[in-house]
């Protein structure tokens, strides 16, 4: 027994050390969405648009994917989970498109369509009310009365752009509260999977020049109501992490 106890103690110390190493090296993940289903998401219709885009789970080459289809339509899906961007500032995903919009131009309102978008939507709440004017507060209150909830305070809109863009960030033509960030551009990589990992805090600072609101969620969109064209795009997975 005397010889056994030191060995037992050494065993537990080794296990404890290994556990600490694994815990310290373990990546913190808020959400890993592999699109086996859409239980984490809800429809996000676009007001004033008659025809909605479609979002469905499909299997290709043994992989479950999100397929988005737009045909003279516009809508999205909204993640039903909120997260703190200071705890989980990184969003990573893999996407591809089958085509782009020939007439699409993100700087012109009447042509502002994209075959795939990933939005980071920042929540309007008591924490950030002081950041906006009294008029905007009244406007948000009216919008909540009309729609049942507040619209986002601001948004980062990551897109597959239809054409090359000299600017890395520019305002959405509909609202300066959303900043567009093209990650892929043009038709050179059509039907190729492209992986992106973005840092919300860094991009918000670059886009808006200030500190990001703490609470956010995600939305995915495919829209072609302005161009009157059609497209198909896919997401392999999306992950929110430390």
C-alpha atoms as a PDB file:
ATOM      1  CA  UNK A   1       0.000   0.000   0.000  1.00  0.00           C
ATOM      2  CA  UNK A   2       2.872   2.372   0.842  1.00  0.00           C
ATOM      3  CA  UNK A   3       4.333   1.886  -2.632  1.00  0.00           C
ATOM      4  CA  UNK A   4       0.905   2.125  -4.285  1.00  0.00           C
ATOM      5  CA  UNK A   5      -0.130   5.526  -2.881  1.00  0.00           C
ATOM      6  CA  UNK A   6       2.707   7.582  -4.444  1.00  0.00           C
ATOM      7  CA  UNK A   7       1.949   6.034  -7.838  1.00  0.00           C
ATOM      8  CA  UNK A   8      -1.767   6.757  -7.402  1.00  0.00           C
ATOM      9  CA  UNK A   9      -1.016  10.351  -6.443  1.00  0.00           C
ATOM     10  CA  UNK A  10       1.282  10.748  -9.459  1.00  0.00           C
ATOM     11  CA  UNK A  11      -1.447   9.341 -11.725  1.00  0.00           C
ATOM     12  CA  UNK A  12      -4.000  11.892 -10.484  1.00  0.00           C
ATOM     13  CA  UNK A  13      -1.495  14.737 -10.804  1.00  0.00           C
ATOM     14  CA  UNK A  14      -0.776  13.759 -14.421  1.00  0.00           C
ATOM     15  CA  UNK A  15      -4.490  13.521 -15.217  1.00  0.00           C
ATOM     16  CA  UNK A  16      -5.117  16.879 -13.554  1.00  0.00           C
ATOM     17  CA  UNK A  17      -2.299  18.504 -15.518  1.00  0.00           C
ATOM     18  CA  UNK A  18      -3.578  17.040 -18.813  1.00  0.00           C
ATOM     19  CA  UNK A  19      -7.095  18.251 -18.023  1.00  0.00           C
ATOM     20  CA  UNK A  20      -5.797  21.778 -17.358  1.00  0.00           C
ATOM     21  CA  UNK A  21      -3.886  21.751 -20.629  1.00  0.00           C
ATOM     22  CA  UNK A  22      -6.956  20.598 -22.559  1.00  0.00           C
ATOM     23  CA  UNK A  23      -9.196  23.135 -20.858  1.00  0.00           C
ATOM     24  CA  UNK A  24      -6.798  25.990 -21.494  1.00  0.00           C
ATOM     25  CA  UNK A  25      -6.321  24.975 -25.119  1.00  0.00           C
ATOM     26  CA  UNK A  26      -9.962  24.217 -25.785  1.00  0.00           C
ATOM     27  CA  UNK A  27     -11.663  26.561 -28.210  1.00  0.00           C
ATOM     28  CA  UNK A  28     -14.791  28.192 -26.849  1.00  0.00           C
ATOM     29  CA  UNK A  29     -17.650  27.804 -29.300  1.00  0.00           C
ATOM     30  CA  UNK A  30     -21.070  29.417 -28.861  1.00  0.00           C
ATOM     31  CA  UNK A  31     -22.655  27.749 -31.889  1.00  0.00           C
ATOM     32  CA  UNK A  32     -21.600  25.295 -34.562  1.00  0.00           C
ATOM     33  CA  UNK A  33     -24.400  25.140 -37.141  1.00  0.00           C
ATOM     34  CA  UNK A  34     -23.979  22.232 -39.550  1.00  0.00           C
ATOM     35  CA  UNK A  35     -27.449  22.682 -41.057  1.00  0.00           C
ATOM     36  CA  UNK A  36     -28.821  19.245 -40.283  1.00  0.00           C
ATOM     37  CA  UNK A  37     -32.084  21.153 -39.801  1.00  0.00           C
ATOM     38  CA  UNK A  38     -33.272  24.746 -39.409  1.00  0.00           C
ATOM     39  CA  UNK A  39     -34.482  24.481 -35.805  1.00  0.00           C
ATOM     40  CA  UNK A  40     -32.188  27.325 -34.716  1.00  0.00           C
ATOM     41  CA  UNK A  41     -33.590  29.692 -37.337  1.00  0.00           C
ATOM     42  CA  UNK A  42     -36.843  31.442 -38.150  1.00  0.00           C
ATOM     43  CA  UNK A  43     -38.064  33.106 -41.360  1.00  0.00           C
ATOM     44  CA  UNK A  44     -37.065  36.730 -41.858  1.00  0.00           C
ATOM     45  CA  UNK A  45     -39.491  38.223 -44.393  1.00  0.00           C
ATOM     46  CA  UNK A  46     -38.737  41.538 -46.044  1.00  0.00           C
ATOM     47  CA  UNK A  47     -41.531  44.079 -45.717  1.00  0.00           C
ATOM     48  CA  UNK A  48     -42.920  45.285 -49.035  1.00  0.00           C
ATOM     49  CA  UNK A  49     -41.560  42.345 -51.035  1.00  0.00           C
ATOM     50  CA  UNK A  50     -44.213  40.051 -52.515  1.00  0.00           C
ATOM     51  CA  UNK A  51     -42.089  36.991 -53.190  1.00  0.00           C
ATOM     52  CA  UNK A  52     -39.886  35.332 -50.582  1.00  0.00           C
ATOM     53  CA  UNK A  53     -36.607  33.504 -51.187  1.00  0.00           C
ATOM     54  CA  UNK A  54     -36.351  29.884 -50.054  1.00  0.00           C
ATOM     55  CA  UNK A  55     -34.035  28.276 -47.503  1.00  0.00           C
ATOM     56  CA  UNK A  56     -33.803  24.504 -47.206  1.00  0.00           C
ATOM     57  CA  UNK A  57     -31.520  21.753 -45.962  1.00  0.00           C
ATOM     58  CA  UNK A  58     -30.095  19.533 -48.720  1.00  0.00           C
ATOM     59  CA  UNK A  59     -27.499  16.753 -48.815  1.00  0.00           C
ATOM     60  CA  UNK A  60     -24.710  16.812 -51.394  1.00  0.00           C
ATOM     61  CA  UNK A  61     -21.818  14.342 -51.453  1.00  0.00           C
ATOM     62  CA  UNK A  62     -22.788  13.163 -47.993  1.00  0.00           C
ATOM     63  CA  UNK A  63     -22.746  16.671 -46.487  1.00  0.00           C
ATOM     64  CA  UNK A  64     -25.742  18.505 -45.076  1.00  0.00           C
ATOM     65  CA  UNK A  65     -25.940  22.046 -46.484  1.00  0.00           C
ATOM     66  CA  UNK A  66     -28.124  25.115 -46.386  1.00  0.00           C
ATOM     67  CA  UNK A  67     -29.383  25.885 -49.890  1.00  0.00           C
ATOM     68  CA  UNK A  68     -30.726  29.379 -50.587  1.00  0.00           C
ATOM     69  CA  UNK A  69     -32.691  30.145 -53.737  1.00  0.00           C
ATOM     70  CA  UNK A  70     -33.863  33.525 -54.980  1.00  0.00           C
ATOM     71  CA  UNK A  71     -36.023  34.259 -58.013  1.00  0.00           C
ATOM     72  CA  UNK A  72     -37.149  37.888 -58.216  1.00  0.00           C
ATOM     73  CA  UNK A  73     -37.500  37.562 -54.465  1.00  0.00           C
ATOM     74  CA  UNK A  74     -35.993  38.616 -51.145  1.00  0.00           C
ATOM     75  CA  UNK A  75     -36.009  37.235 -47.613  1.00  0.00           C
ATOM     76  CA  UNK A  76     -33.750  35.661 -45.039  1.00  0.00           C
ATOM     77  CA  UNK A  77     -33.577  33.457 -41.995  1.00  0.00           C
ATOM     78  CA  UNK A  78     -32.773  34.759 -38.514  1.00  0.00           C
ATOM     79  CA  UNK A  79     -30.809  32.931 -35.829  1.00  0.00           C
ATOM     80  CA  UNK A  80     -33.018  32.551 -32.756  1.00  0.00           C
ATOM     81  CA  UNK A  81     -30.071  32.792 -30.379  1.00  0.00           C
ATOM     82  CA  UNK A  82     -28.345  35.954 -29.199  1.00  0.00           C
ATOM     83  CA  UNK A  83     -24.714  36.119 -28.160  1.00  0.00           C
ATOM     84  CA  UNK A  84     -22.254  38.544 -26.601  1.00  0.00           C
ATOM     85  CA  UNK A  85     -19.786  39.667 -29.262  1.00  0.00           C
ATOM     86  CA  UNK A  86     -17.135  40.396 -26.635  1.00  0.00           C
ATOM     87  CA  UNK A  87     -17.265  36.797 -25.429  1.00  0.00           C
ATOM     88  CA  UNK A  88     -17.552  35.336 -28.940  1.00  0.00           C
ATOM     89  CA  UNK A  89     -16.139  37.835 -31.465  1.00  0.00           C
ATOM     90  CA  UNK A  90     -15.307  35.410 -34.302  1.00  0.00           C
ATOM     91  CA  UNK A  91     -17.743  34.093 -36.909  1.00  0.00           C
ATOM     92  CA  UNK A  92     -16.536  31.510 -39.410  1.00  0.00           C
ATOM     93  CA  UNK A  93     -18.350  29.967 -42.365  1.00  0.00           C
ATOM     94  CA  UNK A  94     -17.941  28.275 -45.730  1.00  0.00           C
ATOM     95  CA  UNK A  95     -20.132  29.319 -48.679  1.00  0.00           C
ATOM     96  CA  UNK A  96     -20.404  29.059 -52.434  1.00  0.00           C
ATOM     97  CA  UNK A  97     -22.621  30.485 -55.175  1.00  0.00           C
ATOM     98  CA  UNK A  98     -23.785  29.001 -58.446  1.00  0.00           C
ATOM     99  CA  UNK A  99     -24.033  32.424 -60.061  1.00  0.00           C
ATOM    100  CA  UNK A 100     -23.975  36.157 -59.454  1.00  0.00           C
ATOM    101  CA  UNK A 101     -26.355  38.902 -60.648  1.00  0.00           C
ATOM    102  CA  UNK A 102     -25.290  40.440 -63.944  1.00  0.00           C
ATOM    103  CA  UNK A 103     -27.105  43.687 -63.168  1.00  0.00           C
ATOM    104  CA  UNK A 104     -26.300  43.686 -59.450  1.00  0.00           C
ATOM    105  CA  UNK A 105     -24.669  46.799 -58.019  1.00  0.00           C
ATOM    106  CA  UNK A 106     -24.521  47.128 -54.244  1.00  0.00           C
ATOM    107  CA  UNK A 107     -24.027  50.885 -54.346  1.00  0.00           C
ATOM    108  CA  UNK A 108     -27.292  51.591 -56.180  1.00  0.00           C
ATOM    109  CA  UNK A 109     -30.553  51.019 -54.295  1.00  0.00           C
ATOM    110  CA  UNK A 110     -32.529  49.784 -57.310  1.00  0.00           C
ATOM    111  CA  UNK A 111     -29.819  47.183 -58.101  1.00  0.00           C
ATOM    112  CA  UNK A 112     -28.713  46.252 -54.587  1.00  0.00           C
ATOM    113  CA  UNK A 113     -28.986  42.440 -54.566  1.00  0.00           C
ATOM    114  CA  UNK A 114     -26.581  39.670 -53.551  1.00  0.00           C
ATOM    115  CA  UNK A 115     -26.725  35.893 -54.023  1.00  0.00           C
ATOM    116  CA  UNK A 116     -25.647  35.369 -50.406  1.00  0.00           C
ATOM    117  CA  UNK A 117     -25.287  37.573 -47.341  1.00  0.00           C
ATOM    118  CA  UNK A 118     -24.360  36.862 -43.731  1.00  0.00           C
ATOM    119  CA  UNK A 119     -25.484  39.619 -41.393  1.00  0.00           C
ATOM    120  CA  UNK A 120     -24.312  40.363 -37.872  1.00  0.00           C
ATOM    121  CA  UNK A 121     -27.285  42.233 -36.386  1.00  0.00           C
ATOM    122  CA  UNK A 122     -26.650  44.284 -33.250  1.00  0.00           C
ATOM    123  CA  UNK A 123     -29.494  44.542 -30.774  1.00  0.00           C
ATOM    124  CA  UNK A 124     -31.087  47.849 -29.807  1.00  0.00           C
ATOM    125  CA  UNK A 125     -31.580  47.807 -26.031  1.00  0.00           C
ATOM    126  CA  UNK A 126     -31.342  49.908 -22.868  1.00  0.00           C
ATOM    127  CA  UNK A 127     -27.543  49.578 -22.901  1.00  0.00           C
ATOM    128  CA  UNK A 128     -27.097  51.495 -26.150  1.00  0.00           C
ATOM    129  CA  UNK A 129     -30.081  53.887 -26.164  1.00  0.00           C
ATOM    130  CA  UNK A 130     -27.732  56.706 -25.149  1.00  0.00           C
ATOM    131  CA  UNK A 131     -25.840  56.277 -28.436  1.00  0.00           C
ATOM    132  CA  UNK A 132     -28.719  57.570 -30.550  1.00  0.00           C
ATOM    133  CA  UNK A 133     -30.726  60.796 -30.825  1.00  0.00           C
ATOM    134  CA  UNK A 134     -34.103  61.444 -29.211  1.00  0.00           C
ATOM    135  CA  UNK A 135     -35.739  61.401 -32.656  1.00  0.00           C
ATOM    136  CA  UNK A 136     -34.301  57.955 -33.397  1.00  0.00           C
ATOM    137  CA  UNK A 137     -35.518  56.677 -30.026  1.00  0.00           C
ATOM    138  CA  UNK A 138     -39.043  57.794 -30.910  1.00  0.00           C
ATOM    139  CA  UNK A 139     -38.694  56.191 -34.345  1.00  0.00           C
ATOM    140  CA  UNK A 140     -37.574  52.895 -32.818  1.00  0.00           C
ATOM    141  CA  UNK A 141     -40.502  52.976 -30.401  1.00  0.00           C
ATOM    142  CA  UNK A 142     -42.911  53.446 -33.315  1.00  0.00           C
ATOM    143  CA  UNK A 143     -41.274  50.636 -35.270  1.00  0.00           C
ATOM    144  CA  UNK A 144     -41.613  48.311 -32.290  1.00  0.00           C
ATOM    145  CA  UNK A 145     -45.305  49.195 -32.041  1.00  0.00           C
ATOM    146  CA  UNK A 146     -45.771  48.443 -35.734  1.00  0.00           C
ATOM    147  CA  UNK A 147     -43.610  45.301 -36.064  1.00  0.00           C
ATOM    148  CA  UNK A 148     -43.732  43.958 -32.505  1.00  0.00           C
ATOM    149  CA  UNK A 149     -39.992  44.267 -31.886  1.00  0.00           C
ATOM    150  CA  UNK A 150     -37.148  46.722 -32.275  1.00  0.00           C
ATOM    151  CA  UNK A 151     -35.126  46.683 -35.500  1.00  0.00           C
ATOM    152  CA  UNK A 152     -31.352  46.222 -35.117  1.00  0.00           C
ATOM    153  CA  UNK A 153     -29.350  49.214 -33.944  1.00  0.00           C
ATOM    154  CA  UNK A 154     -26.726  48.510 -36.622  1.00  0.00           C
ATOM    155  CA  UNK A 155     -25.474  45.700 -38.828  1.00  0.00           C
ATOM    156  CA  UNK A 156     -22.440  44.304 -40.590  1.00  0.00           C
ATOM    157  CA  UNK A 157     -23.442  42.848 -43.964  1.00  0.00           C
ATOM    158  CA  UNK A 158     -20.930  40.333 -45.362  1.00  0.00           C
ATOM    159  CA  UNK A 159     -21.633  39.608 -49.021  1.00  0.00           C
ATOM    160  CA  UNK A 160     -20.535  37.787 -52.148  1.00  0.00           C
ATOM    161  CA  UNK A 161     -20.451  40.850 -54.408  1.00  0.00           C
ATOM    162  CA  UNK A 162     -21.527  40.689 -58.035  1.00  0.00           C
ATOM    163  CA  UNK A 163     -18.552  42.702 -59.239  1.00  0.00           C
ATOM    164  CA  UNK A 164     -15.155  43.887 -58.085  1.00  0.00           C
ATOM    165  CA  UNK A 165     -15.243  46.627 -55.465  1.00  0.00           C
ATOM    166  CA  UNK A 166     -12.399  49.048 -54.778  1.00  0.00           C
ATOM    167  CA  UNK A 167     -13.754  49.800 -51.308  1.00  0.00           C
ATOM    168  CA  UNK A 168     -13.590  47.121 -48.646  1.00  0.00           C
ATOM    169  CA  UNK A 169     -16.468  48.645 -46.647  1.00  0.00           C
ATOM    170  CA  UNK A 170     -19.311  50.914 -47.761  1.00  0.00           C
ATOM    171  CA  UNK A 171     -22.793  51.890 -46.507  1.00  0.00           C
ATOM    172  CA  UNK A 172     -25.841  49.959 -47.609  1.00  0.00           C
ATOM    173  CA  UNK A 173     -27.775  52.211 -50.032  1.00  0.00           C
ATOM    174  CA  UNK A 174     -30.936  51.743 -47.935  1.00  0.00           C
ATOM    175  CA  UNK A 175     -29.456  52.715 -44.550  1.00  0.00           C
ATOM    176  CA  UNK A 176     -26.171  53.950 -43.144  1.00  0.00           C
ATOM    177  CA  UNK A 177     -26.817  51.769 -40.078  1.00  0.00           C
ATOM    178  CA  UNK A 178     -25.740  48.765 -42.161  1.00  0.00           C
ATOM    179  CA  UNK A 179     -22.226  48.557 -43.565  1.00  0.00           C
ATOM    180  CA  UNK A 180     -21.501  46.234 -46.483  1.00  0.00           C
ATOM    181  CA  UNK A 181     -18.283  44.203 -46.465  1.00  0.00           C
ATOM    182  CA  UNK A 182     -17.556  42.267 -49.704  1.00  0.00           C
ATOM    183  CA  UNK A 183     -15.624  39.073 -48.967  1.00  0.00           C
ATOM    184  CA  UNK A 184     -15.793  37.478 -52.409  1.00  0.00           C
ATOM    185  CA  UNK A 185     -16.343  39.357 -55.645  1.00  0.00           C
ATOM    186  CA  UNK A 186     -17.319  38.491 -59.173  1.00  0.00           C
ATOM    187  CA  UNK A 187     -17.624  35.186 -60.993  1.00  0.00           C
ATOM    188  CA  UNK A 188     -14.046  33.855 -60.789  1.00  0.00           C
ATOM    189  CA  UNK A 189     -14.825  31.534 -57.857  1.00  0.00           C
ATOM    190  CA  UNK A 190     -18.356  30.465 -58.787  1.00  0.00           C
ATOM    191  CA  UNK A 191     -19.100  26.884 -57.616  1.00  0.00           C
ATOM    192  CA  UNK A 192     -16.035  26.887 -55.369  1.00  0.00           C
ATOM    193  CA  UNK A 193     -16.293  26.667 -51.594  1.00  0.00           C
ATOM    194  CA  UNK A 194     -14.808  29.756 -49.919  1.00  0.00           C
ATOM    195  CA  UNK A 195     -14.003  29.890 -46.211  1.00  0.00           C
ATOM    196  CA  UNK A 196     -14.101  33.098 -44.176  1.00  0.00           C
ATOM    197  CA  UNK A 197     -13.333  33.927 -40.568  1.00  0.00           C
ATOM    198  CA  UNK A 198     -14.273  37.430 -39.458  1.00  0.00           C
ATOM    199  CA  UNK A 199     -13.684  39.325 -36.231  1.00  0.00           C
ATOM    200  CA  UNK A 200     -16.824  41.267 -35.351  1.00  0.00           C
ATOM    201  CA  UNK A 201     -15.129  43.755 -33.047  1.00  0.00           C
ATOM    202  CA  UNK A 202     -12.404  44.686 -35.519  1.00  0.00           C
ATOM    203  CA  UNK A 203     -14.830  44.987 -38.416  1.00  0.00           C
ATOM    204  CA  UNK A 204     -17.301  47.070 -36.416  1.00  0.00           C
ATOM    205  CA  UNK A 205     -14.526  49.489 -35.471  1.00  0.00           C
ATOM    206  CA  UNK A 206     -13.446  49.744 -39.117  1.00  0.00           C
ATOM    207  CA  UNK A 207     -17.006  50.173 -40.343  1.00  0.00           C
ATOM    208  CA  UNK A 208     -18.516  52.505 -37.744  1.00  0.00           C
ATOM    209  CA  UNK A 209     -15.497  53.921 -35.943  1.00  0.00           C
ATOM    210  CA  UNK A 210     -16.761  53.048 -32.482  1.00  0.00           C
ATOM    211  CA  UNK A 211     -17.387  50.316 -29.970  1.00  0.00           C
ATOM    212  CA  UNK A 212     -19.748  47.528 -30.995  1.00  0.00           C
ATOM    213  CA  UNK A 213     -22.998  46.958 -29.085  1.00  0.00           C
ATOM    214  CA  UNK A 214     -22.544  43.836 -26.976  1.00  0.00           C
ATOM    215  CA  UNK A 215     -25.508  41.669 -28.013  1.00  0.00           C
ATOM    216  CA  UNK A 216     -26.003  40.395 -31.546  1.00  0.00           C
ATOM    217  CA  UNK A 217     -27.440  37.631 -33.656  1.00  0.00           C
ATOM    218  CA  UNK A 218     -27.011  36.425 -37.251  1.00  0.00           C
ATOM    219  CA  UNK A 219     -29.137  36.428 -40.370  1.00  0.00           C
ATOM    220  CA  UNK A 220     -28.644  34.807 -43.776  1.00  0.00           C
ATOM    221  CA  UNK A 221     -30.172  36.323 -46.889  1.00  0.00           C
ATOM    222  CA  UNK A 222     -30.473  35.848 -50.648  1.00  0.00           C
ATOM    223  CA  UNK A 223     -32.207  38.668 -52.543  1.00  0.00           C
ATOM    224  CA  UNK A 224     -32.982  39.406 -56.189  1.00  0.00           C
ATOM    225  CA  UNK A 225     -36.091  41.592 -55.994  1.00  0.00           C
ATOM    226  CA  UNK A 226     -34.275  44.651 -57.350  1.00  0.00           C
ATOM    227  CA  UNK A 227     -32.461  43.057 -60.279  1.00  0.00           C
ATOM    228  CA  UNK A 228     -35.283  40.643 -61.141  1.00  0.00           C
ATOM    229  CA  UNK A 229     -32.731  37.854 -61.583  1.00  0.00           C
ATOM    230  CA  UNK A 230     -32.286  34.516 -59.796  1.00  0.00           C
ATOM    231  CA  UNK A 231     -29.512  32.698 -57.954  1.00  0.00           C
ATOM    232  CA  UNK A 232     -28.645  29.641 -55.884  1.00  0.00           C
ATOM    233  CA  UNK A 233     -26.095  29.626 -53.075  1.00  0.00           C
ATOM    234  CA  UNK A 234     -25.019  27.340 -50.237  1.00  0.00           C
ATOM    235  CA  UNK A 235     -23.617  27.429 -46.721  1.00  0.00           C
ATOM    236  CA  UNK A 236     -21.684  24.390 -45.506  1.00  0.00           C
ATOM    237  CA  UNK A 237     -21.568  25.473 -41.854  1.00  0.00           C
ATOM    238  CA  UNK A 238     -21.406  28.579 -39.698  1.00  0.00           C
ATOM    239  CA  UNK A 239     -19.681  28.881 -36.339  1.00  0.00           C
ATOM    240  CA  UNK A 240     -19.655  31.545 -33.606  1.00  0.00           C
ATOM    241  CA  UNK A 241     -16.654  31.270 -31.337  1.00  0.00           C
ATOM    242  CA  UNK A 242     -14.061  32.879 -29.115  1.00  0.00           C
END
